[in-house]
Amino acid sequence: MNTIENQKLKLKETTLIGDWIPRKVVKEFFGYGNTKMASFARDYDIRVSKVGKRVFYSYSDILRLLEEESLL
């Protein structure tokens, strides 16, 4: 397995909790700021779960978004 695949696997293992991914990871992946993240779930119909002060997004909903927006 090459280094890039190892990094992807490591990221997935450390950030996914079941089907949920932390807001911070989603924010960094898309390069969004706090303002855009406030409307992200509503704009793209992404399920959200909040536990205390932590916000999580549905990983499968984000994958669906990427597939729908695919140019191929």
N, C-alpha and C. Protein backbone atom coordinates (compact mmCIF):
# COMPACT_ATOMS: atom_id res chain seq x y z
N MET A 1 0.85 -1.18 0.00
CA MET A 1 0.00 0.00 0.00
C MET A 1 0.89 1.24 0.00
N ASN A 2 0.59 2.19 -0.87
CA ASN A 2 1.45 3.38 -0.92
C ASN A 2 1.12 4.36 0.20
N THR A 3 1.91 5.38 0.33
CA THR A 3 1.79 6.34 1.43
C THR A 3 0.46 7.08 1.40
N ILE A 4 0.01 7.49 0.22
CA ILE A 4 -1.26 8.22 0.12
C ILE A 4 -2.42 7.35 0.58
N GLU A 5 -2.44 6.10 0.18
CA GLU A 5 -3.50 5.19 0.62
C GLU A 5 -3.45 4.99 2.12
N ASN A 6 -2.26 4.90 2.70
CA ASN A 6 -2.11 4.77 4.15
C ASN A 6 -2.67 5.99 4.86
N GLN A 7 -2.40 7.18 4.31
CA GLN A 7 -2.90 8.41 4.92
C GLN A 7 -4.42 8.47 4.86
N LYS A 8 -5.00 8.07 3.73
CA LYS A 8 -6.46 8.06 3.60
C LYS A 8 -7.07 7.10 4.59
N LEU A 9 -6.48 5.91 4.71
CA LEU A 9 -6.99 4.92 5.65
C LEU A 9 -6.89 5.43 7.07
N LYS A 10 -5.76 6.05 7.42
CA LYS A 10 -5.56 6.58 8.75
C LYS A 10 -6.59 7.67 9.06
N LEU A 11 -6.82 8.58 8.11
CA LEU A 11 -7.80 9.65 8.30
C LEU A 11 -9.18 9.07 8.54
N LYS A 12 -9.57 8.10 7.71
CA LYS A 12 -10.88 7.50 7.84
C LYS A 12 -11.04 6.80 9.19
N GLU A 13 -10.03 6.07 9.62
CA GLU A 13 -10.11 5.34 10.88
C GLU A 13 -10.19 6.28 12.08
N THR A 14 -9.52 7.41 12.03
CA THR A 14 -9.48 8.29 13.19
C THR A 14 -10.62 9.29 13.23
N THR A 15 -11.29 9.53 12.12
CA THR A 15 -12.29 10.58 12.13
C THR A 15 -13.73 10.06 12.06
N LEU A 16 -13.95 8.87 11.55
CA LEU A 16 -15.31 8.35 11.45
C LEU A 16 -15.72 7.66 12.74
N ILE A 17 -16.93 7.96 13.15
CA ILE A 17 -17.53 7.28 14.28
C ILE A 17 -18.84 6.72 13.75
N GLY A 18 -18.80 5.45 13.37
CA GLY A 18 -19.96 4.87 12.69
C GLY A 18 -20.10 5.57 11.35
N ASP A 19 -21.24 6.21 11.13
CA ASP A 19 -21.49 6.95 9.89
C ASP A 19 -21.32 8.46 10.10
N TRP A 20 -20.67 8.85 11.18
CA TRP A 20 -20.57 10.27 11.51
C TRP A 20 -19.13 10.75 11.45
N ILE A 21 -18.97 11.96 10.94
CA ILE A 21 -17.65 12.57 10.81
C ILE A 21 -17.69 13.96 11.47
N PRO A 22 -16.67 14.30 12.25
CA PRO A 22 -16.68 15.58 12.97
C PRO A 22 -16.71 16.79 12.05
N ARG A 23 -17.34 17.84 12.51
CA ARG A 23 -17.46 19.10 11.77
C ARG A 23 -16.09 19.63 11.36
N LYS A 24 -15.13 19.55 12.24
CA LYS A 24 -13.79 20.07 11.97
C LYS A 24 -13.18 19.41 10.73
N VAL A 25 -13.37 18.11 10.58
CA VAL A 25 -12.81 17.38 9.44
C VAL A 25 -13.50 17.81 8.15
N VAL A 26 -14.83 17.95 8.21
CA VAL A 26 -15.60 18.38 7.03
C VAL A 26 -15.19 19.79 6.64
N LYS A 27 -15.06 20.64 7.62
CA LYS A 27 -14.67 22.03 7.39
C LYS A 27 -13.31 22.11 6.71
N GLU A 28 -12.34 21.34 7.19
CA GLU A 28 -11.00 21.34 6.60
C GLU A 28 -11.02 20.73 5.19
N PHE A 29 -11.78 19.67 4.99
CA PHE A 29 -11.83 19.01 3.69
C PHE A 29 -12.34 19.94 2.60
N PHE A 30 -13.44 20.64 2.89
CA PHE A 30 -14.03 21.52 1.89
C PHE A 30 -13.40 22.91 1.87
N GLY A 31 -12.61 23.23 2.89
CA GLY A 31 -11.98 24.54 2.96
C GLY A 31 -12.98 25.64 3.31
N TYR A 32 -14.02 25.29 4.05
CA TYR A 32 -15.05 26.24 4.43
C TYR A 32 -14.69 26.93 5.74
N GLY A 33 -15.19 28.13 5.90
CA GLY A 33 -15.05 28.86 7.15
C GLY A 33 -16.28 28.63 8.02
N ASN A 34 -16.30 29.27 9.17
CA ASN A 34 -17.41 29.10 10.10
C ASN A 34 -18.75 29.54 9.52
N THR A 35 -18.75 30.61 8.74
CA THR A 35 -20.00 31.11 8.17
C THR A 35 -20.62 30.11 7.21
N LYS A 36 -19.82 29.55 6.31
CA LYS A 36 -20.34 28.57 5.35
C LYS A 36 -20.77 27.29 6.06
N MET A 37 -20.04 26.88 7.08
CA MET A 37 -20.41 25.66 7.80
C MET A 37 -21.76 25.81 8.48
N ALA A 38 -22.12 27.02 8.83
CA ALA A 38 -23.41 27.24 9.48
C ALA A 38 -24.57 26.88 8.55
N SER A 39 -24.38 27.04 7.24
CA SER A 39 -25.46 26.74 6.29
C SER A 39 -25.21 25.47 5.48
N PHE A 40 -24.07 24.84 5.66
CA PHE A 40 -23.68 23.67 4.87
C PHE A 40 -24.73 22.56 4.88
N ALA A 41 -25.13 22.13 6.06
CA ALA A 41 -26.08 21.02 6.16
C ALA A 41 -27.43 21.37 5.54
N ARG A 42 -27.89 22.57 5.76
CA ARG A 42 -29.18 23.00 5.22
C ARG A 42 -29.12 23.10 3.69
N ASP A 43 -28.05 23.68 3.17
CA ASP A 43 -27.92 23.88 1.73
C ASP A 43 -27.81 22.57 0.96
N TYR A 44 -27.18 21.57 1.55
CA TYR A 44 -26.91 20.32 0.85
C TYR A 44 -27.66 19.12 1.42
N ASP A 45 -28.62 19.35 2.30
CA ASP A 45 -29.44 18.30 2.88
C ASP A 45 -28.58 17.20 3.53
N ILE A 46 -27.69 17.63 4.43
CA ILE A 46 -26.80 16.73 5.16
C ILE A 46 -27.34 16.58 6.58
N ARG A 47 -27.48 15.34 7.02
CA ARG A 47 -27.94 15.10 8.40
C ARG A 47 -26.85 15.52 9.39
N VAL A 48 -27.29 16.07 10.52
CA VAL A 48 -26.38 16.59 11.55
C VAL A 48 -26.77 15.99 12.90
N SER A 49 -25.75 15.70 13.70
CA SER A 49 -25.98 15.25 15.07
C SER A 49 -25.10 16.10 15.98
N LYS A 50 -25.67 16.59 17.06
CA LYS A 50 -24.93 17.42 17.99
C LYS A 50 -24.88 16.72 19.34
N VAL A 51 -23.67 16.56 19.86
CA VAL A 51 -23.46 15.96 21.18
C VAL A 51 -22.67 16.97 22.00
N GLY A 52 -23.33 17.57 22.96
CA GLY A 52 -22.67 18.65 23.70
C GLY A 52 -22.36 19.78 22.75
N LYS A 53 -21.11 20.18 22.71
CA LYS A 53 -20.69 21.25 21.79
C LYS A 53 -20.14 20.70 20.47
N ARG A 54 -20.06 19.39 20.36
CA ARG A 54 -19.51 18.77 19.14
C ARG A 54 -20.61 18.55 18.11
N VAL A 55 -20.29 18.84 16.86
CA VAL A 55 -21.23 18.66 15.76
C VAL A 55 -20.64 17.63 14.80
N PHE A 56 -21.50 16.69 14.37
CA PHE A 56 -21.09 15.63 13.46
C PHE A 56 -22.01 15.64 12.25
N TYR A 57 -21.44 15.29 11.08
CA TYR A 57 -22.21 15.22 9.84
C TYR A 57 -22.25 13.78 9.36
N SER A 58 -23.32 13.44 8.67
CA SER A 58 -23.46 12.10 8.13
C SER A 58 -22.46 11.88 6.99
N TYR A 59 -21.60 10.90 7.16
CA TYR A 59 -20.59 10.58 6.16
C TYR A 59 -21.24 10.13 4.85
N SER A 60 -22.28 9.30 4.96
CA SER A 60 -22.95 8.81 3.75
C SER A 60 -23.65 9.94 3.00
N ASP A 61 -24.17 10.94 3.71
CA ASP A 61 -24.78 12.10 3.05
C ASP A 61 -23.73 12.92 2.30
N ILE A 62 -22.54 13.04 2.86
CA ILE A 62 -21.47 13.78 2.20
C ILE A 62 -21.01 13.02 0.96
N LEU A 63 -20.90 11.70 1.04
CA LEU A 63 -20.55 10.90 -0.13
C LEU A 63 -21.60 11.06 -1.22
N ARG A 64 -22.87 11.07 -0.83
CA ARG A 64 -23.97 11.27 -1.78
C ARG A 64 -23.83 12.62 -2.45
N LEU A 65 -23.52 13.64 -1.69
CA LEU A 65 -23.33 14.99 -2.24
C LEU A 65 -22.21 14.99 -3.28
N LEU A 66 -21.10 14.36 -2.97
CA LEU A 66 -19.98 14.31 -3.90
C LEU A 66 -20.34 13.55 -5.17
N GLU A 67 -21.10 12.48 -5.04
CA GLU A 67 -21.54 11.71 -6.22
C GLU A 67 -22.49 12.54 -7.07
N GLU A 68 -23.42 13.23 -6.43
CA GLU A 68 -24.38 14.04 -7.18
C GLU A 68 -23.71 15.19 -7.92
N GLU A 69 -22.68 15.74 -7.33
CA GLU A 69 -21.99 16.89 -7.92
C GLU A 69 -20.86 16.48 -8.86
N SER A 70 -20.68 15.18 -9.04
CA SER A 70 -19.62 14.66 -9.90
C SER A 70 -19.84 15.11 -11.35
N LEU A 71 -18.76 15.46 -12.00
CA LEU A 71 -18.83 15.93 -13.39
C LEU A 71 -18.79 14.79 -14.38
N LEU A 72 -18.46 13.59 -13.95
CA LEU A 72 -18.35 12.45 -14.87
C LEU A 72 -19.65 11.69 -14.96
